[in-house]
């Protein structure tokens, strides 16, 4: 269950009259989700079919039984969502088999060297994820790992150790899979990378990691009840923006949600940051960052608001000195920090979930996706493209001048 409070720590900054300016477009956006062009978000088959789910779970079981290391190759939306959920739900000191390694997220030669050395004596299965098949970083990673695997396994064995998630019909990876007979999962044509965690892009790696993807999907689909709440969040954000709050801090009080805030930064930056519009997303992990960024939020430039994500329930660890559980103390910290920031110059929007589990994370992901899309529509930008991302890619490709060919 998601609980939201967008009024308690914003009331001196914005009023209901400020937000009422959006009433007409707010109703229009709600209609698009409920009965218009965005209703596919209410249909699980838009993301993954029942047959695909069975294949995902069966293939995940095969991977778990036949490798020591499972390498996920992808960048941006091809890995960010699944990593965020793994980090949130898996034990921090997880020693389960297989070990999961992400590659293709950057161009660090030192990290590549460590991965190469680490896997040389281990059984490996790889899942390369790219819709177009033309993205530089995953292509380099796949070239490196393919070379190593071709030295470890026979050609026929590679068919059971290379799994490709890509466009159903087009692209270089689809062509390669058809030529070599590699097993594939399809990326739905209407679901962009940052929204794709509930397609095979995210569900397959999550299933390999041992995440209960059925409960995750159940939470995701049940969050249709929060469409209006998510649109209200989008309206509140935009109202604050028009009050010169240009930066949003996604603030969490559990370090296991760190990578979730990284996914949120991608989600909102790519969905709304275009046409010289949008709010700059940053993140803070409290209470750690109260001892650094906390100073700026309290007394720095008056341009920031917070979206605080809290967890109501957690493991019971009693702190005898205060006669309270550690989670109770953490919740007190969350509330009092919001109050302290509010009394100075930083408003807070508070979003709480009951527990850190598959169902609640599924709901939270859907809530933020809905809000990101709604926010883009509020400011009249296309929620589903990211044209600015292509500009640096063009310059890199030009600089490489055909020295790199995939």
Foldseek 3Di string as FASTA:
>chain_A
DKDWDLPPLCVVPDHVVLLVVCVVVLVVLLCCCVPNVNVCLLPLVLFPDPVRVVVLLVLLVVQQVFWQEEEEEDEFLLPLVQVLLCLLAPPPPDPGPRHYHYFLHDDDPVVVVVVCVVCLPIGYAYEYEDAAQPDPSSVVVCVVVVVSVVVVDPLVVNLSRYEYEYAPDDHPVVVVCVVSVHHYFHGRPPADRLRRLSHCSNSNVNSNSVAPSVLLVVLQSVLSVCLSVLLSVLSSVVSVVVSQQQEEEAEEADCSSVSVLVSLQSLQCQQAVPPVDGHHYDYYHPPVCCVPCVVCLQDNDQRYEYEYEYEADDDFDADVVVRGGPNVVSVVVVVVSQVSSSVGRYGYMYMYDHHSGSNRVSSVSNSSNSNSNSNNVSVVDHRRGRVVVVPVVVVVCVVCVPVDDD
